[in-house]
């Protein structure tokens, strides 16, 4: 049987797993924001500055904040891109700020949510690896410096900073939770430096580090790349299919970040994964079943390595990550099982 590189390349996008992270679903309804001044705030309304707002998770998170009438400041390096995603007719209360304006936005914000990072679903050259790290560490460093440099009266009270389950490394046999040590591969190194930079934030700022798994949603992330393959009867597991797939529904990761932003009990490391991870073969079986398509055609190891080189390890290995801290905090997962998540997304 012949496997083409183009097929394998499509499949590699299924790994937004280790570092994200990232279109909102049409069924998610939002309300228009009413423009209001700081003096009009009530204790239930927050002013939130966000990096990575134009990404898969970020778009939905902005919608969630808008729906609850919070004031949103989008920190971006491309005003034109942000304005195309958040047009003023639909998002009248949102402030879009380029880098030179970040300082003024952060000062006076109640909280900052840091979701920035270059997607990793590409072949890793030395330059790409450098950019993957810099896009996370560099933005986080700038955000932390701006928070720390804010006067006491206008300094944000909380920083929610994304990181990833790539922190733990990969394994087919081990189970990881927030107490587990870091791995020793490239992605683990990136996550350690990413988190270490966030940890430099001022001690009076509550810090929540959300280690995000594979985020499932219809219009972005891993699933959006898998659906067309199954529609063409070309879906199936990557490599052996035995590797663990630690996933979370888009709604649940948005709700978890929202809770971390607003609930003082959420601090430290919190795994952003569903409580029931599955083997990748099982994930593909459920996806095929929900779509009424077969899922028996695997993409072999050599095809992935031909396309991704060193990056293929992310696909061919994987990790079983449990959200122990979220469960301790009483967080309620709307979609604890992958089959229910897929049904909801594809209905």
C-alpha atoms as a PDB file:
ATOM      1  CA  UNK A   1       0.000   0.000   0.000  1.00  0.00           C
ATOM      2  CA  UNK A   2       1.413   3.416  -0.907  1.00  0.00           C
ATOM      3  CA  UNK A   3       1.274   6.338   1.510  1.00  0.00           C
ATOM      4  CA  UNK A   4       1.759   9.838   0.193  1.00  0.00           C
ATOM      5  CA  UNK A   5       3.502  12.591   2.094  1.00  0.00           C
ATOM      6  CA  UNK A   6       0.563  14.912   1.560  1.00  0.00           C
ATOM      7  CA  UNK A   7      -1.685  12.536   3.520  1.00  0.00           C
ATOM      8  CA  UNK A   8       0.825  12.253   6.333  1.00  0.00           C
ATOM      9  CA  UNK A   9       1.284  16.012   6.415  1.00  0.00           C
ATOM     10  CA  UNK A  10      -2.450  16.541   6.862  1.00  0.00           C
ATOM     11  CA  UNK A  11      -2.411  14.087   9.724  1.00  0.00           C
ATOM     12  CA  UNK A  12       0.358  15.759  11.648  1.00  0.00           C
ATOM     13  CA  UNK A  13      -1.937  18.641  12.492  1.00  0.00           C
ATOM     14  CA  UNK A  14      -3.718  16.259  14.847  1.00  0.00           C
ATOM     15  CA  UNK A  15      -1.111  17.066  17.432  1.00  0.00           C
ATOM     16  CA  UNK A  16      -1.844  20.471  18.600  1.00  0.00           C
ATOM     17  CA  UNK A  17      -1.345  18.319  21.744  1.00  0.00           C
ATOM     18  CA  UNK A  18       1.880  19.367  23.139  1.00  0.00           C
ATOM     19  CA  UNK A  19       1.885  23.079  22.660  1.00  0.00           C
ATOM     20  CA  UNK A  20      -1.302  24.169  21.413  1.00  0.00           C
ATOM     21  CA  UNK A  21      -2.764  25.363  21.305  1.00  0.00           C
ATOM     22  CA  UNK A  22      -4.846  27.106  17.978  1.00  0.00           C
ATOM     23  CA  UNK A  23     -12.611  29.569  15.366  1.00  0.00           C
ATOM     24  CA  UNK A  24     -15.421  29.651  17.420  1.00  0.00           C
ATOM     25  CA  UNK A  25     -18.359  27.307  16.922  1.00  0.00           C
ATOM     26  CA  UNK A  26     -21.386  28.930  15.356  1.00  0.00           C
ATOM     27  CA  UNK A  27     -23.731  27.548  17.976  1.00  0.00           C
ATOM     28  CA  UNK A  28     -21.927  29.510  20.685  1.00  0.00           C
ATOM     29  CA  UNK A  29     -24.049  32.641  20.995  1.00  0.00           C
ATOM     30  CA  UNK A  30     -22.566  35.922  22.170  1.00  0.00           C
ATOM     31  CA  UNK A  31     -24.058  39.167  23.343  1.00  0.00           C
ATOM     32  CA  UNK A  32     -22.926  42.596  22.266  1.00  0.00           C
ATOM     33  CA  UNK A  33     -20.758  44.408  24.746  1.00  0.00           C
ATOM     34  CA  UNK A  34     -22.041  47.667  26.116  1.00  0.00           C
ATOM     35  CA  UNK A  35     -19.241  50.207  26.281  1.00  0.00           C
ATOM     36  CA  UNK A  36     -18.682  51.233  29.871  1.00  0.00           C
ATOM     37  CA  UNK A  37     -16.109  53.255  31.786  1.00  0.00           C
ATOM     38  CA  UNK A  38     -13.902  51.971  34.588  1.00  0.00           C
ATOM     39  CA  UNK A  39     -15.925  53.974  37.089  1.00  0.00           C
ATOM     40  CA  UNK A  40     -19.020  52.003  36.099  1.00  0.00           C
ATOM     41  CA  UNK A  41     -17.494  48.602  36.912  1.00  0.00           C
ATOM     42  CA  UNK A  42     -19.186  46.377  39.409  1.00  0.00           C
ATOM     43  CA  UNK A  43     -17.359  43.689  41.326  1.00  0.00           C
ATOM     44  CA  UNK A  44     -18.634  41.125  38.818  1.00  0.00           C
ATOM     45  CA  UNK A  45     -17.210  42.897  35.766  1.00  0.00           C
ATOM     46  CA  UNK A  46     -13.557  42.490  34.864  1.00  0.00           C
ATOM     47  CA  UNK A  47     -11.162  44.237  32.530  1.00  0.00           C
ATOM     48  CA  UNK A  48      -9.051  41.534  30.893  1.00  0.00           C
ATOM     49  CA  UNK A  49      -6.010  41.818  28.629  1.00  0.00           C
ATOM     50  CA  UNK A  50      -5.381  38.801  26.368  1.00  0.00           C
ATOM     51  CA  UNK A  51      -2.485  37.641  24.213  1.00  0.00           C
ATOM     52  CA  UNK A  52      -3.167  34.943  21.608  1.00  0.00           C
ATOM     53  CA  UNK A  53      -6.765  36.191  21.298  1.00  0.00           C
ATOM     54  CA  UNK A  54      -6.833  35.495  17.550  1.00  0.00           C
ATOM     55  CA  UNK A  55      -5.974  31.817  18.042  1.00  0.00           C
ATOM     56  CA  UNK A  56      -8.320  28.825  18.282  1.00  0.00           C
ATOM     57  CA  UNK A  57      -8.808  29.016  22.052  1.00  0.00           C
ATOM     58  CA  UNK A  58      -8.418  32.780  22.257  1.00  0.00           C
ATOM     59  CA  UNK A  59     -11.304  33.549  19.886  1.00  0.00           C
ATOM     60  CA  UNK A  60     -13.734  31.501  21.912  1.00  0.00           C
ATOM     61  CA  UNK A  61     -12.434  32.903  25.171  1.00  0.00           C
ATOM     62  CA  UNK A  62     -13.002  36.466  23.959  1.00  0.00           C
ATOM     63  CA  UNK A  63     -16.574  35.475  23.039  1.00  0.00           C
ATOM     64  CA  UNK A  64     -17.095  34.063  26.530  1.00  0.00           C
ATOM     65  CA  UNK A  65     -15.864  37.271  28.166  1.00  0.00           C
ATOM     66  CA  UNK A  66     -18.017  39.377  25.860  1.00  0.00           C
ATOM     67  CA  UNK A  67     -21.091  37.267  26.595  1.00  0.00           C
ATOM     68  CA  UNK A  68     -20.617  38.032  30.303  1.00  0.00           C
ATOM     69  CA  UNK A  69     -20.149  41.765  29.657  1.00  0.00           C
ATOM     70  CA  UNK A  70     -16.501  41.974  30.676  1.00  0.00           C
ATOM     71  CA  UNK A  71     -14.185  44.558  29.137  1.00  0.00           C
ATOM     72  CA  UNK A  72     -11.680  42.952  26.735  1.00  0.00           C
ATOM     73  CA  UNK A  73      -8.318  44.256  25.582  1.00  0.00           C
ATOM     74  CA  UNK A  74      -6.773  42.240  22.747  1.00  0.00           C
ATOM     75  CA  UNK A  75      -2.966  42.436  22.816  1.00  0.00           C
ATOM     76  CA  UNK A  76      -1.755  41.732  19.282  1.00  0.00           C
ATOM     77  CA  UNK A  77       1.163  42.273  16.939  1.00  0.00           C
ATOM     78  CA  UNK A  78      -1.170  42.549  13.927  1.00  0.00           C
ATOM     79  CA  UNK A  79      -4.022  45.029  14.269  1.00  0.00           C
ATOM     80  CA  UNK A  80      -5.378  44.143  10.801  1.00  0.00           C
ATOM     81  CA  UNK A  81      -5.621  40.443  11.686  1.00  0.00           C
ATOM     82  CA  UNK A  82      -7.294  41.165  15.010  1.00  0.00           C
ATOM     83  CA  UNK A  83      -9.762  43.606  13.436  1.00  0.00           C
ATOM     84  CA  UNK A  84     -10.716  41.012  10.800  1.00  0.00           C
ATOM     85  CA  UNK A  85     -11.469  38.456  13.543  1.00  0.00           C
ATOM     86  CA  UNK A  86     -13.135  40.914  15.924  1.00  0.00           C
ATOM     87  CA  UNK A  87     -14.960  43.396  13.656  1.00  0.00           C
ATOM     88  CA  UNK A  88     -16.310  46.401  15.497  1.00  0.00           C
ATOM     89  CA  UNK A  89     -19.909  45.706  14.381  1.00  0.00           C
ATOM     90  CA  UNK A  90     -19.831  42.416  16.330  1.00  0.00           C
ATOM     91  CA  UNK A  91     -17.374  43.373  19.076  1.00  0.00           C
ATOM     92  CA  UNK A  92     -18.042  47.079  19.766  1.00  0.00           C
ATOM     93  CA  UNK A  93     -16.558  47.102  23.260  1.00  0.00           C
ATOM     94  CA  UNK A  94     -13.232  45.443  22.526  1.00  0.00           C
ATOM     95  CA  UNK A  95     -10.001  47.421  22.483  1.00  0.00           C
ATOM     96  CA  UNK A  96      -7.371  46.149  20.030  1.00  0.00           C
ATOM     97  CA  UNK A  97      -3.840  47.152  20.991  1.00  0.00           C
ATOM     98  CA  UNK A  98      -0.561  46.694  19.150  1.00  0.00           C
ATOM     99  CA  UNK A  99       2.661  46.105  21.060  1.00  0.00           C
ATOM    100  CA  UNK A 100       3.453  49.736  21.874  1.00  0.00           C
ATOM    101  CA  UNK A 101       0.033  50.011  23.556  1.00  0.00           C
ATOM    102  CA  UNK A 102       0.288  46.839  25.666  1.00  0.00           C
ATOM    103  CA  UNK A 103       1.615  48.687  28.711  1.00  0.00           C
ATOM    104  CA  UNK A 104      -1.385  51.004  28.932  1.00  0.00           C
ATOM    105  CA  UNK A 105      -3.785  48.083  28.476  1.00  0.00           C
ATOM    106  CA  UNK A 106      -2.187  45.923  31.142  1.00  0.00           C
ATOM    107  CA  UNK A 107      -2.123  48.763  33.636  1.00  0.00           C
ATOM    108  CA  UNK A 108      -5.664  48.963  34.952  1.00  0.00           C
ATOM    109  CA  UNK A 109      -6.607  45.420  33.874  1.00  0.00           C
ATOM    110  CA  UNK A 110      -7.956  43.143  36.570  1.00  0.00           C
ATOM    111  CA  UNK A 111      -6.291  40.154  34.951  1.00  0.00           C
ATOM    112  CA  UNK A 112      -4.111  39.053  32.042  1.00  0.00           C
ATOM    113  CA  UNK A 113      -4.609  35.832  30.049  1.00  0.00           C
ATOM    114  CA  UNK A 114      -1.538  34.754  28.075  1.00  0.00           C
ATOM    115  CA  UNK A 115      -2.355  32.329  25.239  1.00  0.00           C
ATOM    116  CA  UNK A 116       0.304  33.308  22.685  1.00  0.00           C
ATOM    117  CA  UNK A 117       2.403  30.725  20.830  1.00  0.00           C
ATOM    118  CA  UNK A 118       3.373  29.570  17.340  1.00  0.00           C
ATOM    119  CA  UNK A 119       1.665  26.289  16.297  1.00  0.00           C
ATOM    120  CA  UNK A 120       4.068  23.336  16.263  1.00  0.00           C
ATOM    121  CA  UNK A 121       2.463  21.325  13.452  1.00  0.00           C
ATOM    122  CA  UNK A 122       5.296  21.731  10.980  1.00  0.00           C
ATOM    123  CA  UNK A 123       8.675  20.172  10.245  1.00  0.00           C
ATOM    124  CA  UNK A 124      11.151  21.285  12.881  1.00  0.00           C
ATOM    125  CA  UNK A 125      14.250  22.982  11.570  1.00  0.00           C
ATOM    126  CA  UNK A 126      16.643  24.606  14.028  1.00  0.00           C
ATOM    127  CA  UNK A 127      15.106  27.977  13.105  1.00  0.00           C
ATOM    128  CA  UNK A 128      11.529  26.761  13.579  1.00  0.00           C
ATOM    129  CA  UNK A 129      12.416  25.257  16.965  1.00  0.00           C
ATOM    130  CA  UNK A 130      13.907  28.564  18.006  1.00  0.00           C
ATOM    131  CA  UNK A 131      10.765  30.385  16.868  1.00  0.00           C
ATOM    132  CA  UNK A 132       8.459  27.905  18.660  1.00  0.00           C
ATOM    133  CA  UNK A 133      10.233  28.657  21.920  1.00  0.00           C
ATOM    134  CA  UNK A 134      10.630  32.394  21.388  1.00  0.00           C
ATOM    135  CA  UNK A 135       6.959  32.899  20.487  1.00  0.00           C
ATOM    136  CA  UNK A 136       6.061  31.579  23.940  1.00  0.00           C
ATOM    137  CA  UNK A 137       8.903  32.656  26.167  1.00  0.00           C
ATOM    138  CA  UNK A 138       9.354  36.067  24.522  1.00  0.00           C
ATOM    139  CA  UNK A 139       5.718  37.145  24.804  1.00  0.00           C
ATOM    140  CA  UNK A 140       5.429  35.755  28.343  1.00  0.00           C
ATOM    141  CA  UNK A 141       8.562  37.652  29.376  1.00  0.00           C
ATOM    142  CA  UNK A 142       7.185  40.905  27.972  1.00  0.00           C
ATOM    143  CA  UNK A 143       3.837  40.405  29.715  1.00  0.00           C
ATOM    144  CA  UNK A 144       5.498  39.622  33.048  1.00  0.00           C
ATOM    145  CA  UNK A 145       7.769  42.677  32.774  1.00  0.00           C
ATOM    146  CA  UNK A 146       4.791  44.926  32.037  1.00  0.00           C
ATOM    147  CA  UNK A 147       2.818  43.506  34.959  1.00  0.00           C
ATOM    148  CA  UNK A 148       5.777  43.837  37.324  1.00  0.00           C
ATOM    149  CA  UNK A 149       6.400  47.381  36.141  1.00  0.00           C
ATOM    150  CA  UNK A 150       2.829  48.479  36.823  1.00  0.00           C
ATOM    151  CA  UNK A 151       2.253  50.681  39.882  1.00  0.00           C
ATOM    152  CA  UNK A 152       0.514  48.963  42.775  1.00  0.00           C
ATOM    153  CA  UNK A 153      -2.831  50.638  42.217  1.00  0.00           C
ATOM    154  CA  UNK A 154      -3.153  49.545  38.584  1.00  0.00           C
ATOM    155  CA  UNK A 155      -1.300  46.213  38.606  1.00  0.00           C
ATOM    156  CA  UNK A 156      -3.396  43.198  37.469  1.00  0.00           C
ATOM    157  CA  UNK A 157      -4.344  40.847  40.287  1.00  0.00           C
ATOM    158  CA  UNK A 158      -4.061  37.616  38.293  1.00  0.00           C
ATOM    159  CA  UNK A 159      -2.081  36.154  35.405  1.00  0.00           C
ATOM    160  CA  UNK A 160      -3.448  33.034  33.702  1.00  0.00           C
ATOM    161  CA  UNK A 161      -0.640  31.737  31.517  1.00  0.00           C
ATOM    162  CA  UNK A 162      -1.031  28.860  29.085  1.00  0.00           C
ATOM    163  CA  UNK A 163       1.535  26.121  28.959  1.00  0.00           C
ATOM    164  CA  UNK A 164       1.150  22.554  27.685  1.00  0.00           C
ATOM    165  CA  UNK A 165       1.160  18.884  28.595  1.00  0.00           C
ATOM    166  CA  UNK A 166       4.361  18.624  26.565  1.00  0.00           C
ATOM    167  CA  UNK A 167       5.921  19.546  29.932  1.00  0.00           C
ATOM    168  CA  UNK A 168       5.707  15.898  31.007  1.00  0.00           C
ATOM    169  CA  UNK A 169       7.440  14.335  28.046  1.00  0.00           C
ATOM    170  CA  UNK A 170       5.942  11.263  26.381  1.00  0.00           C
ATOM    171  CA  UNK A 171       5.156   7.737  27.533  1.00  0.00           C
ATOM    172  CA  UNK A 172       2.801   4.868  26.657  1.00  0.00           C
ATOM    173  CA  UNK A 173       2.839   3.487  30.209  1.00  0.00           C
ATOM    174  CA  UNK A 174       3.160   6.324  32.736  1.00  0.00           C
ATOM    175  CA  UNK A 175       0.307   8.454  34.094  1.00  0.00           C
ATOM    176  CA  UNK A 176       0.982  12.146  34.687  1.00  0.00           C
ATOM    177  CA  UNK A 177      -0.663  14.688  36.963  1.00  0.00           C
ATOM    178  CA  UNK A 178       0.376  18.127  38.204  1.00  0.00           C
ATOM    179  CA  UNK A 179       2.891  16.599  40.639  1.00  0.00           C
ATOM    180  CA  UNK A 180       4.755  14.674  37.933  1.00  0.00           C
ATOM    181  CA  UNK A 181       8.278  15.771  36.969  1.00  0.00           C
ATOM    182  CA  UNK A 182       9.120  17.296  33.633  1.00  0.00           C
ATOM    183  CA  UNK A 183      10.306  15.226  30.678  1.00  0.00           C
ATOM    184  CA  UNK A 184      13.649  15.486  28.941  1.00  0.00           C
ATOM    185  CA  UNK A 185      12.722  16.173  25.311  1.00  0.00           C
ATOM    186  CA  UNK A 186      12.602  19.434  23.368  1.00  0.00           C
ATOM    187  CA  UNK A 187       8.955  20.240  24.092  1.00  0.00           C
ATOM    188  CA  UNK A 188       9.423  19.612  27.798  1.00  0.00           C
ATOM    189  CA  UNK A 189      12.347  22.032  27.703  1.00  0.00           C
ATOM    190  CA  UNK A 190      10.190  24.652  25.984  1.00  0.00           C
ATOM    191  CA  UNK A 191       7.440  24.241  28.579  1.00  0.00           C
ATOM    192  CA  UNK A 192       9.865  24.497  31.494  1.00  0.00           C
ATOM    193  CA  UNK A 193      11.295  27.748  30.164  1.00  0.00           C
ATOM    194  CA  UNK A 194       7.799  29.015  29.282  1.00  0.00           C
ATOM    195  CA  UNK A 195       6.526  28.352  32.809  1.00  0.00           C
ATOM    196  CA  UNK A 196       9.725  29.561  34.432  1.00  0.00           C
ATOM    197  CA  UNK A 197       9.267  32.913  32.739  1.00  0.00           C
ATOM    198  CA  UNK A 198       5.682  33.189  34.020  1.00  0.00           C
ATOM    199  CA  UNK A 199       6.900  32.388  37.542  1.00  0.00           C
ATOM    200  CA  UNK A 200       8.875  35.652  37.566  1.00  0.00           C
ATOM    201  CA  UNK A 201       5.662  37.625  37.961  1.00  0.00           C
ATOM    202  CA  UNK A 202       5.321  39.735  41.096  1.00  0.00           C
ATOM    203  CA  UNK A 203       4.445  37.725  44.216  1.00  0.00           C
ATOM    204  CA  UNK A 204       1.268  39.695  44.821  1.00  0.00           C
ATOM    205  CA  UNK A 205      -0.123  38.566  41.451  1.00  0.00           C
ATOM    206  CA  UNK A 206      -1.999  35.260  41.553  1.00  0.00           C
ATOM    207  CA  UNK A 207      -0.532  32.961  38.884  1.00  0.00           C
ATOM    208  CA  UNK A 208      -2.347  30.016  37.285  1.00  0.00           C
ATOM    209  CA  UNK A 209      -0.429  27.911  34.758  1.00  0.00           C
ATOM    210  CA  UNK A 210      -2.785  25.868  32.576  1.00  0.00           C
ATOM    211  CA  UNK A 211      -1.080  22.878  30.906  1.00  0.00           C
ATOM    212  CA  UNK A 212      -3.286  22.395  27.872  1.00  0.00           C
ATOM    213  CA  UNK A 213      -3.832  19.098  26.044  1.00  0.00           C
ATOM    214  CA  UNK A 214      -5.328  18.477  22.590  1.00  0.00           C
ATOM    215  CA  UNK A 215      -8.247  20.884  22.234  1.00  0.00           C
ATOM    216  CA  UNK A 216     -11.225  19.522  20.279  1.00  0.00           C
ATOM    217  CA  UNK A 217     -13.518  21.845  18.330  1.00  0.00           C
ATOM    218  CA  UNK A 218     -15.124  21.814  14.914  1.00  0.00           C
ATOM    219  CA  UNK A 219     -13.563  24.875  13.334  1.00  0.00           C
ATOM    220  CA  UNK A 220      -9.978  24.739  14.484  1.00  0.00           C
ATOM    221  CA  UNK A 221      -7.231  22.791  16.197  1.00  0.00           C
ATOM    222  CA  UNK A 222      -6.625  19.083  15.707  1.00  0.00           C
ATOM    223  CA  UNK A 223     -10.155  17.947  14.927  1.00  0.00           C
ATOM    224  CA  UNK A 224     -10.631  20.360  12.030  1.00  0.00           C
ATOM    225  CA  UNK A 225      -7.700  18.631  10.312  1.00  0.00           C
ATOM    226  CA  UNK A 226      -8.986  15.125  10.993  1.00  0.00           C
ATOM    227  CA  UNK A 227     -12.578  15.586   9.813  1.00  0.00           C
ATOM    228  CA  UNK A 228     -11.776  16.021   6.075  1.00  0.00           C
ATOM    229  CA  UNK A 229      -9.699  12.837   6.086  1.00  0.00           C
ATOM    230  CA  UNK A 230     -12.559  10.844   7.564  1.00  0.00           C
ATOM    231  CA  UNK A 231     -14.969  12.407   5.080  1.00  0.00           C
ATOM    232  CA  UNK A 232     -12.709  11.049   2.330  1.00  0.00           C
ATOM    233  CA  UNK A 233     -12.589   7.597   3.962  1.00  0.00           C
ATOM    234  CA  UNK A 234      -8.913   8.162   4.738  1.00  0.00           C
ATOM    235  CA  UNK A 235      -9.036   8.448   8.515  1.00  0.00           C
ATOM    236  CA  UNK A 236      -7.137   6.268  10.922  1.00  0.00           C
ATOM    237  CA  UNK A 237      -4.614   6.232  13.759  1.00  0.00           C
ATOM    238  CA  UNK A 238      -1.135   7.702  13.541  1.00  0.00           C
ATOM    239  CA  UNK A 239       1.595   5.099  13.930  1.00  0.00           C
ATOM    240  CA  UNK A 240       0.641   2.267  16.271  1.00  0.00           C
ATOM    241  CA  UNK A 241      -2.503   3.935  17.653  1.00  0.00           C
ATOM    242  CA  UNK A 242      -1.439   2.848  21.158  1.00  0.00           C
ATOM    243  CA  UNK A 243      -0.166   6.264  22.122  1.00  0.00           C
ATOM    244  CA  UNK A 244      -2.245   8.221  24.630  1.00  0.00           C
ATOM    245  CA  UNK A 245      -4.435  11.091  23.485  1.00  0.00           C
ATOM    246  CA  UNK A 246      -5.021  13.594  26.294  1.00  0.00           C
ATOM    247  CA  UNK A 247      -7.797  15.795  24.961  1.00  0.00           C
ATOM    248  CA  UNK A 248     -10.272  18.455  26.131  1.00  0.00           C
ATOM    249  CA  UNK A 249     -13.370  19.992  24.515  1.00  0.00           C
ATOM    250  CA  UNK A 250     -12.977  23.645  23.520  1.00  0.00           C
ATOM    251  CA  UNK A 251     -15.855  24.681  25.790  1.00  0.00           C
ATOM    252  CA  UNK A 252     -14.201  23.017  28.777  1.00  0.00           C
ATOM    253  CA  UNK A 253     -10.773  24.603  28.302  1.00  0.00           C
ATOM    254  CA  UNK A 254     -12.416  28.016  27.872  1.00  0.00           C
ATOM    255  CA  UNK A 255     -14.453  27.455  31.042  1.00  0.00           C
ATOM    256  CA  UNK A 256     -11.339  26.318  32.916  1.00  0.00           C
ATOM    257  CA  UNK A 257      -9.379  29.423  31.894  1.00  0.00           C
ATOM    258  CA  UNK A 258     -12.390  31.598  32.790  1.00  0.00           C
ATOM    259  CA  UNK A 259     -12.592  29.977  36.215  1.00  0.00           C
ATOM    260  CA  UNK A 260      -8.858  30.431  36.748  1.00  0.00           C
ATOM    261  CA  UNK A 261      -9.239  34.096  35.897  1.00  0.00           C
ATOM    262  CA  UNK A 262     -12.123  34.757  38.274  1.00  0.00           C
ATOM    263  CA  UNK A 263     -11.741  32.229  41.119  1.00  0.00           C
ATOM    264  CA  UNK A 264      -9.011  32.964  43.715  1.00  0.00           C
ATOM    265  CA  UNK A 265      -8.663  29.246  44.510  1.00  0.00           C
ATOM    266  CA  UNK A 266      -7.201  28.577  41.071  1.00  0.00           C
ATOM    267  CA  UNK A 267      -3.449  29.022  41.291  1.00  0.00           C
ATOM    268  CA  UNK A 268      -0.326  27.049  40.526  1.00  0.00           C
ATOM    269  CA  UNK A 269      -0.334  24.308  37.890  1.00  0.00           C
ATOM    270  CA  UNK A 270      -3.662  23.022  36.550  1.00  0.00           C
ATOM    271  CA  UNK A 271      -3.842  20.414  33.793  1.00  0.00           C
ATOM    272  CA  UNK A 272      -6.224  21.418  31.009  1.00  0.00           C
ATOM    273  CA  UNK A 273      -7.261  17.929  29.956  1.00  0.00           C
ATOM    274  CA  UNK A 274     -10.479  15.903  30.216  1.00  0.00           C
ATOM    275  CA  UNK A 275     -10.623  13.301  33.016  1.00  0.00           C
ATOM    276  CA  UNK A 276     -10.785  10.381  30.564  1.00  0.00           C
ATOM    277  CA  UNK A 277      -7.862  10.319  28.101  1.00  0.00           C
ATOM    278  CA  UNK A 278      -7.958   7.616  25.417  1.00  0.00           C
ATOM    279  CA  UNK A 279      -5.571   5.767  23.142  1.00  0.00           C
ATOM    280  CA  UNK A 280      -5.383   7.426  19.744  1.00  0.00           C
ATOM    281  CA  UNK A 281      -6.875   4.351  18.045  1.00  0.00           C
ATOM    282  CA  UNK A 282      -9.938   4.639  20.307  1.00  0.00           C
ATOM    283  CA  UNK A 283     -10.242   8.342  19.550  1.00  0.00           C
ATOM    284  CA  UNK A 284     -10.216   7.579  15.814  1.00  0.00           C
ATOM    285  CA  UNK A 285     -12.774   4.771  16.266  1.00  0.00           C
ATOM    286  CA  UNK A 286     -15.150   7.164  18.046  1.00  0.00           C
ATOM    287  CA  UNK A 287     -14.634   9.834  15.407  1.00  0.00           C
ATOM    288  CA  UNK A 288     -15.296   7.355  12.612  1.00  0.00           C
ATOM    289  CA  UNK A 289     -18.404   6.083  14.405  1.00  0.00           C
ATOM    290  CA  UNK A 290     -19.847   9.572  14.970  1.00  0.00           C
ATOM    291  CA  UNK A 291     -19.164  10.490  11.342  1.00  0.00           C
ATOM    292  CA  UNK A 292     -20.286   7.154   9.915  1.00  0.00           C
ATOM    293  CA  UNK A 293     -16.861   6.611   8.351  1.00  0.00           C
ATOM    294  CA  UNK A 294     -14.250   3.860   8.672  1.00  0.00           C
ATOM    295  CA  UNK A 295     -11.089   4.514  10.678  1.00  0.00           C
ATOM    296  CA  UNK A 296      -8.884   1.566   9.811  1.00  0.00           C
ATOM    297  CA  UNK A 297      -6.286   3.164   7.518  1.00  0.00           C
ATOM    298  CA  UNK A 298      -3.231   4.097   9.614  1.00  0.00           C
ATOM    299  CA  UNK A 299      -0.536   6.603   8.732  1.00  0.00           C
ATOM    300  CA  UNK A 300       2.736   4.681   9.246  1.00  0.00           C
ATOM    301  CA  UNK A 301       5.734   5.844  11.262  1.00  0.00           C
ATOM    302  CA  UNK A 302       8.029   6.297   8.277  1.00  0.00           C
ATOM    303  CA  UNK A 303       5.587   8.615   6.496  1.00  0.00           C
ATOM    304  CA  UNK A 304       5.367  10.899   9.510  1.00  0.00           C
ATOM    305  CA  UNK A 305       9.121  10.902  10.001  1.00  0.00           C
ATOM    306  CA  UNK A 306       9.598  11.767   6.338  1.00  0.00           C
ATOM    307  CA  UNK A 307       7.443  14.862   6.798  1.00  0.00           C
ATOM    308  CA  UNK A 308       8.196  15.903  10.367  1.00  0.00           C
ATOM    309  CA  UNK A 309      11.636  14.540  11.139  1.00  0.00           C
ATOM    310  CA  UNK A 310      12.268  15.080  14.845  1.00  0.00           C
ATOM    311  CA  UNK A 311       8.776  16.495  15.323  1.00  0.00           C
ATOM    312  CA  UNK A 312       7.239  13.087  14.540  1.00  0.00           C
ATOM    313  CA  UNK A 313       7.953  11.990  18.116  1.00  0.00           C
ATOM    314  CA  UNK A 314       5.078  14.193  19.313  1.00  0.00           C
ATOM    315  CA  UNK A 315       2.651  12.204  17.170  1.00  0.00           C
ATOM    316  CA  UNK A 316       4.128   8.754  17.561  1.00  0.00           C
ATOM    317  CA  UNK A 317       4.418   8.816  21.339  1.00  0.00           C
ATOM    318  CA  UNK A 318       2.005  10.876  23.499  1.00  0.00           C
ATOM    319  CA  UNK A 319       1.148  10.990  27.195  1.00  0.00           C
ATOM    320  CA  UNK A 320      -1.669  10.120  29.595  1.00  0.00           C
ATOM    321  CA  UNK A 321      -2.391  13.275  31.587  1.00  0.00           C
ATOM    322  CA  UNK A 322      -5.051  13.563  34.301  1.00  0.00           C
ATOM    323  CA  UNK A 323      -6.606  16.828  35.605  1.00  0.00           C
ATOM    324  CA  UNK A 324      -6.135  16.044  39.287  1.00  0.00           C
ATOM    325  CA  UNK A 325      -6.029  19.665  40.422  1.00  0.00           C
ATOM    326  CA  UNK A 326      -9.136  20.704  38.455  1.00  0.00           C
ATOM    327  CA  UNK A 327     -11.051  17.843  40.069  1.00  0.00           C
ATOM    328  CA  UNK A 328      -9.812  18.862  43.533  1.00  0.00           C
ATOM    329  CA  UNK A 329     -11.059  22.381  42.857  1.00  0.00           C
ATOM    330  CA  UNK A 330     -14.480  21.016  41.911  1.00  0.00           C
ATOM    331  CA  UNK A 331     -14.310  22.033  38.271  1.00  0.00           C
ATOM    332  CA  UNK A 332     -17.214  20.489  36.347  1.00  0.00           C
ATOM    333  CA  UNK A 333     -16.348  19.100  32.927  1.00  0.00           C
ATOM    334  CA  UNK A 334     -19.194  19.479  30.462  1.00  0.00           C
ATOM    335  CA  UNK A 335     -17.637  16.752  28.299  1.00  0.00           C
ATOM    336  CA  UNK A 336     -15.717  14.163  30.356  1.00  0.00           C
ATOM    337  CA  UNK A 337     -15.911  11.473  27.625  1.00  0.00           C
ATOM    338  CA  UNK A 338     -14.523  11.837  24.130  1.00  0.00           C
ATOM    339  CA  UNK A 339     -17.472  10.200  22.359  1.00  0.00           C
ATOM    340  CA  UNK A 340     -19.895  12.723  23.903  1.00  0.00           C
ATOM    341  CA  UNK A 341     -17.533  15.567  23.030  1.00  0.00           C
ATOM    342  CA  UNK A 342     -17.336  14.447  19.401  1.00  0.00           C
ATOM    343  CA  UNK A 343     -21.118  14.028  19.154  1.00  0.00           C
ATOM    344  CA  UNK A 344     -21.651  17.543  20.481  1.00  0.00           C
ATOM    345  CA  UNK A 345     -19.081  19.034  18.134  1.00  0.00           C
ATOM    346  CA  UNK A 346     -20.326  17.248  15.032  1.00  0.00           C
ATOM    347  CA  UNK A 347     -24.068  17.434  15.686  1.00  0.00           C
END
